[in-house]
Amino acid sequence: MIKVLIVDDSAVVRQILQGALSSDPEIQVVGTAPDPFVARDKIVELKPDVITLDVEMPRMDGITFLRKLMHYQPMPVIVVSSLTPEGSGLALDALSAGAVEVMCKPGAAFTVGDMAEELVEKVKTAAFARVKRLTARNTDKPGALGKTTNKVVAIGASTGGTVALERILSRIPVDGPGIVIAQHMPAMFTKQFAARMNQLSPMEVREAVDGDSVVPGVALIAPGDYHMLLKRSGARYFVQVKTGPMVHRQRPAVEVLFRSVAMCAGANAVGIILTGMGADGAQGLLEMRQAGGLTVAQDEASCVVFGMPRAAIELGAAQRIMGLDQIPQEILRLATS
């Protein structure tokens, strides 16, 4: 049995994580702790094999605790963070301080089942990880990884979006930022649409496949009839392509993509909402802005249908409102800021 101690100040999150881990017969949750001081005593008492650790907690933040733990009693630690702008930087600091893995806290874009499967896999991997003692000279030195991580650009579109995306992608250079796109489109058309965009764009454009890395020079288009979510493993971004209930009567839904970007990329993200009917993506764009991301809505004059951008603007989700022809240059500016 792999013994796990859960450290998180939220009772709800502790309950969710305990339920997720307890579903696997090879894992035993031996205890939970609301802060590092309680955790310290339970580590001595319970001798866990793996710890899940929040980064934003009262009395002592998770990173300070992690550095002390890795100096005096190194063991496998998985950071489970909300990855807000502050949490994102702290989570990345955690990797340099010795954490084995970082994952997003469960949220609206993920079902508990999805989160449980990912968490169980990470715990089983972490249990066999070789962790090193953090030397004293490094215990108070934050990592710089958060400052060097590439930006992720997330774009959502519906009616009129195919033309809008063509005008944008054709003007992004070959070394442009990694882009993830949710365009409302039937399943049989997305692969052809991606191939056409690939011919017109200096970047590589393709229909996303589950597990594809999000890297500079590549634009990934969500396949029709599947949701696409941004995920993160350490400093690596990748996409999860999955089925699931329709959101705003859509699959892929811009809402699902944007919310996952908000959770997993935080301030490292740029969100663009383009022409389309309805309100899909408006709340997700707001969450991106609240998480520190930079957000843009297409203006009414250049939209085929002003529904989605209007809904985002009315929510206060868009920091900038601009014409379609201005957006490619804005993407490049924001992605390097």
C-alpha atoms as a PDB file:
ATOM      1  CA  MET A   1       0.000   0.000   0.000  1.00  0.00           C
ATOM      2  CA  ILE A   2       1.156   3.514  -0.818  1.00  0.00           C
ATOM      3  CA  LYS A   3       0.524   5.704   2.227  1.00  0.00           C
ATOM      4  CA  VAL A   4      -0.530   9.277   1.395  1.00  0.00           C
ATOM      5  CA  LEU A   5      -0.859  12.380   3.548  1.00  0.00           C
ATOM      6  CA  ILE A   6      -3.041  15.194   2.131  1.00  0.00           C
ATOM      7  CA  VAL A   7      -2.083  18.751   3.137  1.00  0.00           C
ATOM      8  CA  ASP A   8      -4.569  21.471   2.154  1.00  0.00           C
ATOM      9  CA  ASP A   9      -6.323  24.240   4.058  1.00  0.00           C
ATOM     10  CA  SER A  10      -9.641  23.572   2.271  1.00  0.00           C
ATOM     11  CA  ALA A  11     -11.784  20.893   3.894  1.00  0.00           C
ATOM     12  CA  VAL A  12     -13.659  20.427   0.605  1.00  0.00           C
ATOM     13  CA  VAL A  13     -10.463  19.824  -1.357  1.00  0.00           C
ATOM     14  CA  ARG A  14      -9.175  17.434   1.323  1.00  0.00           C
ATOM     15  CA  GLN A  15     -12.415  15.467   1.040  1.00  0.00           C
ATOM     16  CA  ILE A  16     -12.273  15.376  -2.792  1.00  0.00           C
ATOM     17  CA  LEU A  17      -8.640  14.270  -2.863  1.00  0.00           C
ATOM     18  CA  GLN A  18      -9.208  11.652  -0.168  1.00  0.00           C
ATOM     19  CA  GLY A  19     -12.167  10.228  -2.074  1.00  0.00           C
ATOM     20  CA  ALA A  20     -10.205  10.180  -5.324  1.00  0.00           C
ATOM     21  CA  LEU A  21      -7.224   8.401  -3.838  1.00  0.00           C
ATOM     22  CA  SER A  22      -9.242   5.976  -1.733  1.00  0.00           C
ATOM     23  CA  SER A  23     -10.861   4.648  -4.898  1.00  0.00           C
ATOM     24  CA  ASP A  24      -7.638   2.792  -5.724  1.00  0.00           C
ATOM     25  CA  PRO A  25      -6.918  -0.391  -3.713  1.00  0.00           C
ATOM     26  CA  GLU A  26      -3.153   0.219  -3.813  1.00  0.00           C
ATOM     27  CA  ILE A  27      -3.395   3.608  -2.072  1.00  0.00           C
ATOM     28  CA  GLN A  28      -4.190   4.337   1.565  1.00  0.00           C
ATOM     29  CA  VAL A  29      -4.841   7.895   2.753  1.00  0.00           C
ATOM     30  CA  VAL A  30      -3.324   7.727   6.229  1.00  0.00           C
ATOM     31  CA  GLY A  31      -4.199  11.276   7.190  1.00  0.00           C
ATOM     32  CA  THR A  32      -4.995  14.859   6.260  1.00  0.00           C
ATOM     33  CA  ALA A  33      -3.681  18.173   7.537  1.00  0.00           C
ATOM     34  CA  PRO A  34      -5.016  21.752   7.197  1.00  0.00           C
ATOM     35  CA  ASP A  35      -1.596  23.423   7.413  1.00  0.00           C
ATOM     36  CA  PRO A  36       2.146  22.613   7.504  1.00  0.00           C
ATOM     37  CA  PHE A  37       2.376  22.620  11.299  1.00  0.00           C
ATOM     38  CA  VAL A  38      -0.192  19.843  11.633  1.00  0.00           C
ATOM     39  CA  ALA A  39       1.411  18.114   8.653  1.00  0.00           C
ATOM     40  CA  ARG A  40       4.835  18.132  10.321  1.00  0.00           C
ATOM     41  CA  ASP A  41       3.504  16.189  13.312  1.00  0.00           C
ATOM     42  CA  LYS A  42       1.560  13.751  11.127  1.00  0.00           C
ATOM     43  CA  ILE A  43       4.610  13.013   8.982  1.00  0.00           C
ATOM     44  CA  VAL A  44       6.486  11.916  12.092  1.00  0.00           C
ATOM     45  CA  GLU A  45       3.523   9.899  13.345  1.00  0.00           C
ATOM     46  CA  LEU A  46       2.212   8.331  10.140  1.00  0.00           C
ATOM     47  CA  LYS A  47       5.353   8.062   7.969  1.00  0.00           C
ATOM     48  CA  PRO A  48       3.609   8.606   4.605  1.00  0.00           C
ATOM     49  CA  ASP A  49       5.191   7.514   1.325  1.00  0.00           C
ATOM     50  CA  VAL A  50       3.791  10.480  -0.644  1.00  0.00           C
ATOM     51  CA  ILE A  51       2.440  13.910   0.308  1.00  0.00           C
ATOM     52  CA  THR A  52       0.001  16.032  -1.682  1.00  0.00           C
ATOM     53  CA  LEU A  53       0.620  19.691  -0.867  1.00  0.00           C
ATOM     54  CA  ASP A  54      -1.254  22.929  -1.464  1.00  0.00           C
ATOM     55  CA  VAL A  55       0.911  26.021  -1.940  1.00  0.00           C
ATOM     56  CA  GLU A  56      -1.314  28.744  -0.491  1.00  0.00           C
ATOM     57  CA  MET A  57      -2.038  27.993   3.164  1.00  0.00           C
ATOM     58  CA  PRO A  58      -2.253  29.886   6.462  1.00  0.00           C
ATOM     59  CA  ARG A  59       0.513  29.986   9.109  1.00  0.00           C
ATOM     60  CA  MET A  60       3.201  28.790   6.664  1.00  0.00           C
ATOM     61  CA  ASP A  61       3.058  28.752   2.867  1.00  0.00           C
ATOM     62  CA  GLY A  62       3.522  25.438   1.103  1.00  0.00           C
ATOM     63  CA  ILE A  63       6.827  26.362  -0.547  1.00  0.00           C
ATOM     64  CA  THR A  64       8.539  27.290   2.717  1.00  0.00           C
ATOM     65  CA  PHE A  65       7.304  24.025   4.198  1.00  0.00           C
ATOM     66  CA  LEU A  66       8.445  22.070   1.146  1.00  0.00           C
ATOM     67  CA  ARG A  67      11.971  23.515   1.305  1.00  0.00           C
ATOM     68  CA  LYS A  68      12.258  22.616   4.971  1.00  0.00           C
ATOM     69  CA  LEU A  69      10.867  19.130   4.337  1.00  0.00           C
ATOM     70  CA  MET A  70      13.226  18.453   1.424  1.00  0.00           C
ATOM     71  CA  HIS A  71      16.186  19.597   3.507  1.00  0.00           C
ATOM     72  CA  TYR A  72      15.460  17.656   6.692  1.00  0.00           C
ATOM     73  CA  GLN A  73      13.307  14.717   5.573  1.00  0.00           C
ATOM     74  CA  PRO A  74      13.089  14.449   1.763  1.00  0.00           C
ATOM     75  CA  MET A  75      10.128  12.496   0.391  1.00  0.00           C
ATOM     76  CA  PRO A  76       7.950  12.510  -2.753  1.00  0.00           C
ATOM     77  CA  VAL A  77       5.658  15.544  -2.835  1.00  0.00           C
ATOM     78  CA  ILE A  78       2.944  16.341  -5.388  1.00  0.00           C
ATOM     79  CA  VAL A  79       1.879  19.978  -5.431  1.00  0.00           C
ATOM     80  CA  VAL A  80      -1.871  20.360  -6.025  1.00  0.00           C
ATOM     81  CA  SER A  81      -2.445  24.034  -6.803  1.00  0.00           C
ATOM     82  CA  SER A  82      -5.155  26.299  -8.133  1.00  0.00           C
ATOM     83  CA  LEU A  83      -2.456  27.861 -10.355  1.00  0.00           C
ATOM     84  CA  THR A  84      -3.725  31.402  -9.997  1.00  0.00           C
ATOM     85  CA  PRO A  85      -1.096  34.027 -10.915  1.00  0.00           C
ATOM     86  CA  GLU A  86       0.422  33.701  -7.436  1.00  0.00           C
ATOM     87  CA  GLY A  87      -0.194  29.956  -7.232  1.00  0.00           C
ATOM     88  CA  SER A  88       1.316  29.413 -10.666  1.00  0.00           C
ATOM     89  CA  GLY A  89       4.625  30.985  -9.679  1.00  0.00           C
ATOM     90  CA  LEU A  90       4.656  29.170  -6.338  1.00  0.00           C
ATOM     91  CA  ALA A  91       3.887  25.843  -7.985  1.00  0.00           C
ATOM     92  CA  LEU A  92       6.820  26.314 -10.346  1.00  0.00           C
ATOM     93  CA  ASP A  93       9.031  27.291  -7.417  1.00  0.00           C
ATOM     94  CA  ALA A  94       7.952  24.009  -5.843  1.00  0.00           C
ATOM     95  CA  LEU A  95       9.465  22.032  -8.709  1.00  0.00           C
ATOM     96  CA  SER A  96      12.836  23.656  -8.164  1.00  0.00           C
ATOM     97  CA  ALA A  97      12.460  23.021  -4.433  1.00  0.00           C
ATOM     98  CA  GLY A  98      12.085  19.277  -5.003  1.00  0.00           C
ATOM     99  CA  ALA A  99       8.412  18.553  -5.722  1.00  0.00           C
ATOM    100  CA  VAL A 100       7.985  15.521  -7.964  1.00  0.00           C
ATOM    101  CA  GLU A 101       4.952  16.824  -9.839  1.00  0.00           C
ATOM    102  CA  VAL A 102       2.452  19.664 -10.099  1.00  0.00           C
ATOM    103  CA  MET A 103      -1.220  19.284 -10.972  1.00  0.00           C
ATOM    104  CA  CYS A 104      -4.279  21.530 -11.066  1.00  0.00           C
ATOM    105  CA  LYS A 105      -6.849  21.432  -8.317  1.00  0.00           C
ATOM    106  CA  PRO A 106     -10.203  19.989  -9.353  1.00  0.00           C
ATOM    107  CA  GLY A 107     -12.413  22.665 -10.891  1.00  0.00           C
ATOM    108  CA  ALA A 108     -15.431  23.292 -13.063  1.00  0.00           C
ATOM    109  CA  ALA A 109     -13.724  22.147 -16.264  1.00  0.00           C
ATOM    110  CA  PHE A 110     -12.848  18.724 -14.848  1.00  0.00           C
ATOM    111  CA  THR A 111     -15.004  15.951 -13.487  1.00  0.00           C
ATOM    112  CA  VAL A 112     -13.942  14.320 -10.241  1.00  0.00           C
ATOM    113  CA  GLY A 113     -13.411  11.108 -12.203  1.00  0.00           C
ATOM    114  CA  ASP A 114     -10.886  12.769 -14.497  1.00  0.00           C
ATOM    115  CA  MET A 115      -9.054  14.301 -11.567  1.00  0.00           C
ATOM    116  CA  ALA A 116      -9.065  11.015  -9.645  1.00  0.00           C
ATOM    117  CA  GLU A 117      -7.471   9.111 -12.495  1.00  0.00           C
ATOM    118  CA  GLU A 118      -4.735  11.708 -12.936  1.00  0.00           C
ATOM    119  CA  LEU A 119      -4.023  12.005  -9.220  1.00  0.00           C
ATOM    120  CA  VAL A 120      -3.851   8.231  -8.695  1.00  0.00           C
ATOM    121  CA  GLU A 121      -1.390   7.921 -11.576  1.00  0.00           C
ATOM    122  CA  LYS A 122       0.806  10.716 -10.219  1.00  0.00           C
ATOM    123  CA  VAL A 123       0.811   9.269  -6.686  1.00  0.00           C
ATOM    124  CA  LYS A 124       1.844   5.837  -7.944  1.00  0.00           C
ATOM    125  CA  THR A 125       4.640   7.367  -9.996  1.00  0.00           C
ATOM    126  CA  ALA A 126       5.770   9.622  -7.158  1.00  0.00           C
ATOM    127  CA  ALA A 127       5.952   6.716  -4.713  1.00  0.00           C
ATOM    128  CA  PHE A 128       8.889   5.328  -6.691  1.00  0.00           C
ATOM    129  CA  ALA A 129      10.571   8.653  -7.396  1.00  0.00           C
ATOM    130  CA  ARG A 130      14.115   9.234  -6.207  1.00  0.00           C
ATOM    131  CA  VAL A 131      14.073  12.509  -4.303  1.00  0.00           C
ATOM    132  CA  LYS A 132      17.198  14.371  -3.313  1.00  0.00           C
ATOM    133  CA  ARG A 133      17.945  16.318  -0.180  1.00  0.00           C
ATOM    134  CA  LEU A 134      17.731  20.070  -0.719  1.00  0.00           C
ATOM    135  CA  THR A 135      20.994  21.601   0.455  1.00  0.00           C
ATOM    136  CA  ALA A 136      20.821  24.394   2.993  1.00  0.00           C
ATOM    137  CA  ARG A 137      22.146  26.976   0.551  1.00  0.00           C
ATOM    138  CA  ASN A 138      19.151  26.351  -1.712  1.00  0.00           C
ATOM    139  CA  THR A 139      16.369  26.229   0.852  1.00  0.00           C
ATOM    140  CA  ASP A 140      15.401  29.877   0.408  1.00  0.00           C
ATOM    141  CA  LYS A 141      16.173  30.302  -3.288  1.00  0.00           C
ATOM    142  CA  PRO A 142      13.075  30.491  -5.517  1.00  0.00           C
ATOM    143  CA  GLY A 143      13.196  28.944  -8.972  1.00  0.00           C
ATOM    144  CA  ALA A 144      13.182  31.061 -12.109  1.00  0.00           C
ATOM    145  CA  LEU A 145      11.160  28.596 -14.166  1.00  0.00           C
ATOM    146  CA  GLY A 146       7.991  30.644 -13.913  1.00  0.00           C
ATOM    147  CA  LYS A 147       9.659  33.579 -15.683  1.00  0.00           C
ATOM    148  CA  THR A 148      10.827  31.535 -18.637  1.00  0.00           C
ATOM    149  CA  THR A 149       7.760  29.444 -19.378  1.00  0.00           C
ATOM    150  CA  ASN A 150       6.339  30.092 -22.863  1.00  0.00           C
ATOM    151  CA  LYS A 151       2.995  31.863 -23.127  1.00  0.00           C
ATOM    152  CA  VAL A 152      -0.056  29.910 -24.295  1.00  0.00           C
ATOM    153  CA  VAL A 153      -2.580  31.624 -26.597  1.00  0.00           C
ATOM    154  CA  ALA A 154      -6.153  30.317 -26.402  1.00  0.00           C
ATOM    155  CA  ILE A 155      -8.631  31.314 -29.114  1.00  0.00           C
ATOM    156  CA  GLY A 156     -12.379  30.657 -29.197  1.00  0.00           C
ATOM    157  CA  ALA A 157     -14.681  31.208 -32.167  1.00  0.00           C
ATOM    158  CA  SER A 158     -17.978  30.161 -33.708  1.00  0.00           C
ATOM    159  CA  THR A 159     -20.006  31.659 -36.574  1.00  0.00           C
ATOM    160  CA  GLY A 160     -17.609  33.479 -38.892  1.00  0.00           C
ATOM    161  CA  GLY A 161     -14.658  32.061 -37.018  1.00  0.00           C
ATOM    162  CA  THR A 162     -13.148  30.061 -39.846  1.00  0.00           C
ATOM    163  CA  VAL A 163     -12.475  33.218 -41.863  1.00  0.00           C
ATOM    164  CA  ALA A 164     -11.335  35.112 -38.769  1.00  0.00           C
ATOM    165  CA  LEU A 165      -8.907  32.343 -37.845  1.00  0.00           C
ATOM    166  CA  GLU A 166      -7.525  32.287 -41.378  1.00  0.00           C
ATOM    167  CA  ARG A 167      -6.784  36.012 -41.187  1.00  0.00           C
ATOM    168  CA  ILE A 168      -5.097  35.582 -37.827  1.00  0.00           C
ATOM    169  CA  LEU A 169      -3.073  32.411 -38.416  1.00  0.00           C
ATOM    170  CA  SER A 170      -1.813  33.569 -41.793  1.00  0.00           C
ATOM    171  CA  ARG A 171      -0.132  36.491 -40.041  1.00  0.00           C
ATOM    172  CA  ILE A 172       1.516  34.669 -37.130  1.00  0.00           C
ATOM    173  CA  PRO A 173       5.201  33.897 -37.864  1.00  0.00           C
ATOM    174  CA  VAL A 174       6.699  30.430 -37.891  1.00  0.00           C
ATOM    175  CA  ASP A 175       8.097  30.912 -34.390  1.00  0.00           C
ATOM    176  CA  GLY A 176       4.863  32.331 -32.974  1.00  0.00           C
ATOM    177  CA  PRO A 177       3.530  31.324 -29.555  1.00  0.00           C
ATOM    178  CA  GLY A 178       1.823  27.976 -29.004  1.00  0.00           C
ATOM    179  CA  ILE A 179      -1.889  28.320 -29.793  1.00  0.00           C
ATOM    180  CA  VAL A 180      -4.916  26.234 -28.778  1.00  0.00           C
ATOM    181  CA  ILE A 181      -8.178  26.808 -30.642  1.00  0.00           C
ATOM    182  CA  ALA A 182     -11.795  25.842 -30.007  1.00  0.00           C
ATOM    183  CA  GLN A 183     -13.879  26.522 -33.143  1.00  0.00           C
ATOM    184  CA  HIS A 184     -17.474  25.316 -33.275  1.00  0.00           C
ATOM    185  CA  MET A 185     -17.416  22.887 -36.191  1.00  0.00           C
ATOM    186  CA  PRO A 186     -18.775  19.400 -36.946  1.00  0.00           C
ATOM    187  CA  ALA A 187     -16.452  16.457 -36.447  1.00  0.00           C
ATOM    188  CA  MET A 188     -15.925  15.658 -40.119  1.00  0.00           C
ATOM    189  CA  PHE A 189     -14.674  19.161 -40.937  1.00  0.00           C
ATOM    190  CA  THR A 190     -12.010  19.986 -38.332  1.00  0.00           C
ATOM    191  CA  LYS A 191      -9.245  17.830 -39.788  1.00  0.00           C
ATOM    192  CA  GLN A 192      -9.766  19.369 -43.236  1.00  0.00           C
ATOM    193  CA  PHE A 193      -9.975  22.848 -41.756  1.00  0.00           C
ATOM    194  CA  ALA A 194      -6.719  22.325 -39.860  1.00  0.00           C
ATOM    195  CA  ALA A 195      -5.014  21.070 -43.018  1.00  0.00           C
ATOM    196  CA  ARG A 196      -6.182  24.143 -44.921  1.00  0.00           C
ATOM    197  CA  MET A 197      -4.947  26.467 -42.181  1.00  0.00           C
ATOM    198  CA  ASN A 198      -1.635  24.630 -42.204  1.00  0.00           C
ATOM    199  CA  GLN A 199      -1.195  25.527 -45.880  1.00  0.00           C
ATOM    200  CA  LEU A 200      -1.984  29.193 -45.248  1.00  0.00           C
ATOM    201  CA  SER A 201      -0.087  29.739 -42.013  1.00  0.00           C
ATOM    202  CA  PRO A 202       3.673  30.015 -41.465  1.00  0.00           C
ATOM    203  CA  MET A 203       3.054  28.022 -38.263  1.00  0.00           C
ATOM    204  CA  GLU A 204       2.281  24.325 -38.150  1.00  0.00           C
ATOM    205  CA  VAL A 205      -1.488  23.942 -37.734  1.00  0.00           C
ATOM    206  CA  ARG A 206      -3.085  20.578 -37.051  1.00  0.00           C
ATOM    207  CA  GLU A 207      -6.088  18.915 -35.483  1.00  0.00           C
ATOM    208  CA  ALA A 208      -5.204  18.179 -31.879  1.00  0.00           C
ATOM    209  CA  VAL A 209      -4.531  14.656 -30.652  1.00  0.00           C
ATOM    210  CA  ASP A 210      -4.751  13.758 -26.984  1.00  0.00           C
ATOM    211  CA  GLY A 211      -1.389  14.433 -25.339  1.00  0.00           C
ATOM    212  CA  ASP A 212      -0.083  16.881 -27.975  1.00  0.00           C
ATOM    213  CA  SER A 213       2.427  19.344 -26.507  1.00  0.00           C
ATOM    214  CA  VAL A 214       1.635  23.054 -26.703  1.00  0.00           C
ATOM    215  CA  VAL A 215       4.839  24.612 -27.985  1.00  0.00           C
ATOM    216  CA  PRO A 216       5.907  27.665 -29.993  1.00  0.00           C
ATOM    217  CA  GLY A 217       5.359  27.323 -33.721  1.00  0.00           C
ATOM    218  CA  VAL A 218       2.326  25.024 -33.415  1.00  0.00           C
ATOM    219  CA  ALA A 219      -1.419  25.749 -33.398  1.00  0.00           C
ATOM    220  CA  LEU A 220      -3.755  22.957 -32.235  1.00  0.00           C
ATOM    221  CA  ILE A 221      -7.415  22.930 -33.268  1.00  0.00           C
ATOM    222  CA  ALA A 222      -9.897  21.003 -31.111  1.00  0.00           C
ATOM    223  CA  PRO A 223     -11.397  18.100 -33.070  1.00  0.00           C
ATOM    224  CA  GLY A 224     -15.112  18.332 -33.725  1.00  0.00           C
ATOM    225  CA  ASP A 225     -17.344  16.591 -31.154  1.00  0.00           C
ATOM    226  CA  TYR A 226     -14.535  16.588 -28.550  1.00  0.00           C
ATOM    227  CA  HIS A 227     -13.642  19.027 -25.808  1.00  0.00           C
ATOM    228  CA  MET A 228     -10.030  20.159 -25.609  1.00  0.00           C
ATOM    229  CA  LEU A 229      -8.445  21.144 -22.298  1.00  0.00           C
ATOM    230  CA  LEU A 230      -5.037  22.517 -21.435  1.00  0.00           C
ATOM    231  CA  LYS A 231      -3.094  20.425 -18.967  1.00  0.00           C
ATOM    232  CA  ARG A 232       0.255  20.858 -17.320  1.00  0.00           C
ATOM    233  CA  SER A 233       2.986  18.517 -16.151  1.00  0.00           C
ATOM    234  CA  GLY A 234       5.753  20.494 -14.519  1.00  0.00           C
ATOM    235  CA  ALA A 235       6.686  23.196 -16.991  1.00  0.00           C
ATOM    236  CA  ARG A 236       5.211  21.306 -19.974  1.00  0.00           C
ATOM    237  CA  TYR A 237       1.833  22.255 -21.387  1.00  0.00           C
ATOM    238  CA  PHE A 238      -0.171  19.697 -23.346  1.00  0.00           C
ATOM    239  CA  VAL A 239      -3.770  19.122 -24.376  1.00  0.00           C
ATOM    240  CA  GLN A 240      -6.318  16.590 -23.265  1.00  0.00           C
ATOM    241  CA  VAL A 241      -8.878  15.689 -25.923  1.00  0.00           C
ATOM    242  CA  LYS A 242     -11.954  14.056 -24.451  1.00  0.00           C
ATOM    243  CA  THR A 243     -15.659  13.611 -24.833  1.00  0.00           C
ATOM    244  CA  GLY A 244     -18.160  14.817 -22.277  1.00  0.00           C
ATOM    245  CA  PRO A 245     -21.443  16.704 -21.947  1.00  0.00           C
ATOM    246  CA  MET A 246     -22.030  19.648 -24.255  1.00  0.00           C
ATOM    247  CA  VAL A 247     -21.413  23.060 -22.732  1.00  0.00           C
ATOM    248  CA  HIS A 248     -23.426  25.972 -24.143  1.00  0.00           C
ATOM    249  CA  ARG A 249     -24.769  23.289 -26.506  1.00  0.00           C
ATOM    250  CA  GLN A 250     -21.299  22.925 -27.969  1.00  0.00           C
ATOM    251  CA  ARG A 251     -18.571  20.291 -28.137  1.00  0.00           C
ATOM    252  CA  PRO A 252     -15.853  21.493 -28.407  1.00  0.00           C
ATOM    253  CA  ALA A 253     -16.808  24.337 -26.091  1.00  0.00           C
ATOM    254  CA  VAL A 254     -14.724  27.472 -25.780  1.00  0.00           C
ATOM    255  CA  GLU A 255     -15.783  27.615 -22.122  1.00  0.00           C
ATOM    256  CA  VAL A 256     -14.106  24.301 -21.343  1.00  0.00           C
ATOM    257  CA  LEU A 257     -10.871  25.297 -23.064  1.00  0.00           C
ATOM    258  CA  PHE A 258     -10.673  28.764 -21.500  1.00  0.00           C
ATOM    259  CA  ARG A 259     -11.395  27.529 -17.972  1.00  0.00           C
ATOM    260  CA  SER A 260      -8.701  24.883 -18.229  1.00  0.00           C
ATOM    261  CA  VAL A 261      -6.258  27.515 -19.507  1.00  0.00           C
ATOM    262  CA  ALA A 262      -7.128  29.780 -16.584  1.00  0.00           C
ATOM    263  CA  MET A 263      -6.433  26.982 -14.115  1.00  0.00           C
ATOM    264  CA  CYS A 264      -3.291  25.559 -15.688  1.00  0.00           C
ATOM    265  CA  ALA A 265      -1.581  28.586 -17.245  1.00  0.00           C
ATOM    266  CA  GLY A 266      -2.745  31.562 -15.169  1.00  0.00           C
ATOM    267  CA  ALA A 267      -0.689  34.642 -16.019  1.00  0.00           C
ATOM    268  CA  ASN A 268       1.147  32.710 -18.724  1.00  0.00           C
ATOM    269  CA  ALA A 269      -1.934  32.802 -20.941  1.00  0.00           C
ATOM    270  CA  VAL A 270      -3.443  35.056 -23.602  1.00  0.00           C
ATOM    271  CA  GLY A 271      -7.160  34.646 -24.356  1.00  0.00           C
ATOM    272  CA  ILE A 272      -8.857  35.761 -27.593  1.00  0.00           C
ATOM    273  CA  ILE A 273     -12.619  35.530 -28.142  1.00  0.00           C
ATOM    274  CA  LEU A 274     -13.766  35.948 -31.732  1.00  0.00           C
ATOM    275  CA  THR A 275     -16.998  36.215 -33.700  1.00  0.00           C
ATOM    276  CA  GLY A 276     -19.774  33.789 -32.793  1.00  0.00           C
ATOM    277  CA  MET A 277     -23.358  33.329 -31.685  1.00  0.00           C
ATOM    278  CA  GLY A 278     -24.279  32.912 -28.042  1.00  0.00           C
ATOM    279  CA  ALA A 279     -22.154  33.291 -24.923  1.00  0.00           C
ATOM    280  CA  ASP A 280     -19.764  30.334 -25.094  1.00  0.00           C
ATOM    281  CA  GLY A 281     -16.388  31.305 -23.643  1.00  0.00           C
ATOM    282  CA  ALA A 282     -17.416  34.546 -21.933  1.00  0.00           C
ATOM    283  CA  GLN A 283     -17.199  33.195 -18.380  1.00  0.00           C
ATOM    284  CA  GLY A 284     -14.035  31.271 -19.220  1.00  0.00           C
ATOM    285  CA  LEU A 285     -12.386  34.426 -20.581  1.00  0.00           C
ATOM    286  CA  LEU A 286     -13.315  36.211 -17.367  1.00  0.00           C
ATOM    287  CA  GLU A 287     -11.674  33.420 -15.365  1.00  0.00           C
ATOM    288  CA  MET A 288      -8.567  33.778 -17.515  1.00  0.00           C
ATOM    289  CA  ARG A 289      -8.446  37.497 -16.767  1.00  0.00           C
ATOM    290  CA  GLN A 290      -9.007  36.895 -13.062  1.00  0.00           C
ATOM    291  CA  ALA A 291      -6.161  34.382 -13.117  1.00  0.00           C
ATOM    292  CA  GLY A 292      -3.810  37.018 -14.507  1.00  0.00           C
ATOM    293  CA  GLY A 293      -4.104  36.215 -18.197  1.00  0.00           C
ATOM    294  CA  LEU A 294      -4.264  38.864 -20.921  1.00  0.00           C
ATOM    295  CA  THR A 295      -7.613  38.963 -22.725  1.00  0.00           C
ATOM    296  CA  VAL A 296      -8.930  40.372 -26.022  1.00  0.00           C
ATOM    297  CA  ALA A 297     -12.369  40.457 -27.653  1.00  0.00           C
ATOM    298  CA  GLN A 298     -13.021  41.094 -31.341  1.00  0.00           C
ATOM    299  CA  ASP A 299     -14.942  44.317 -31.945  1.00  0.00           C
ATOM    300  CA  GLU A 300     -18.480  44.469 -33.289  1.00  0.00           C
ATOM    301  CA  ALA A 301     -17.540  46.094 -36.594  1.00  0.00           C
ATOM    302  CA  SER A 302     -15.360  43.182 -37.702  1.00  0.00           C
ATOM    303  CA  CYS A 303     -17.528  40.335 -36.329  1.00  0.00           C
ATOM    304  CA  VAL A 304     -19.883  38.238 -38.418  1.00  0.00           C
ATOM    305  CA  VAL A 305     -21.896  37.679 -35.226  1.00  0.00           C
ATOM    306  CA  PHE A 306     -21.110  39.795 -32.172  1.00  0.00           C
ATOM    307  CA  GLY A 307     -22.687  37.409 -29.638  1.00  0.00           C
ATOM    308  CA  MET A 308     -19.680  35.763 -27.969  1.00  0.00           C
ATOM    309  CA  PRO A 309     -17.479  38.874 -27.817  1.00  0.00           C
ATOM    310  CA  ARG A 310     -20.434  40.971 -26.601  1.00  0.00           C
ATOM    311  CA  ALA A 311     -21.131  38.519 -23.760  1.00  0.00           C
ATOM    312  CA  ALA A 312     -17.461  38.569 -22.742  1.00  0.00           C
ATOM    313  CA  ILE A 313     -17.313  42.379 -22.859  1.00  0.00           C
ATOM    314  CA  GLU A 314     -20.474  42.717 -20.777  1.00  0.00           C
ATOM    315  CA  LEU A 315     -18.924  40.443 -18.119  1.00  0.00           C
ATOM    316  CA  GLY A 316     -15.789  42.581 -17.999  1.00  0.00           C
ATOM    317  CA  ALA A 317     -13.725  39.681 -19.300  1.00  0.00           C
ATOM    318  CA  ALA A 318     -11.939  41.545 -22.097  1.00  0.00           C
ATOM    319  CA  GLN A 319      -9.087  43.915 -21.345  1.00  0.00           C
ATOM    320  CA  ARG A 320      -8.867  44.974 -24.996  1.00  0.00           C
ATOM    321  CA  ILE A 321     -11.518  45.264 -27.737  1.00  0.00           C
ATOM    322  CA  MET A 322     -10.143  45.498 -31.256  1.00  0.00           C
ATOM    323  CA  GLY A 323     -10.709  44.844 -34.918  1.00  0.00           C
ATOM    324  CA  LEU A 324      -9.786  41.524 -36.453  1.00  0.00           C
ATOM    325  CA  ASP A 325      -6.842  42.935 -38.423  1.00  0.00           C
ATOM    326  CA  GLN A 326      -5.268  44.264 -35.223  1.00  0.00           C
ATOM    327  CA  ILE A 327      -5.455  40.962 -33.358  1.00  0.00           C
ATOM    328  CA  PRO A 328      -2.464  39.077 -34.884  1.00  0.00           C
ATOM    329  CA  GLN A 329      -0.035  41.819 -33.894  1.00  0.00           C
ATOM    330  CA  GLU A 330      -1.657  42.045 -30.459  1.00  0.00           C
ATOM    331  CA  ILE A 331      -1.181  38.311 -29.965  1.00  0.00           C
ATOM    332  CA  LEU A 332       2.522  38.665 -30.703  1.00  0.00           C
ATOM    333  CA  ARG A 333       2.842  41.674 -28.423  1.00  0.00           C
ATOM    334  CA  LEU A 334       1.016  40.064 -25.501  1.00  0.00           C
ATOM    335  CA  ALA A 335       2.813  36.750 -25.903  1.00  0.00           C
ATOM    336  CA  THR A 336       6.194  38.436 -25.453  1.00  0.00           C
ATOM    337  CA  SER A 337       5.176  40.877 -22.697  1.00  0.00           C
END
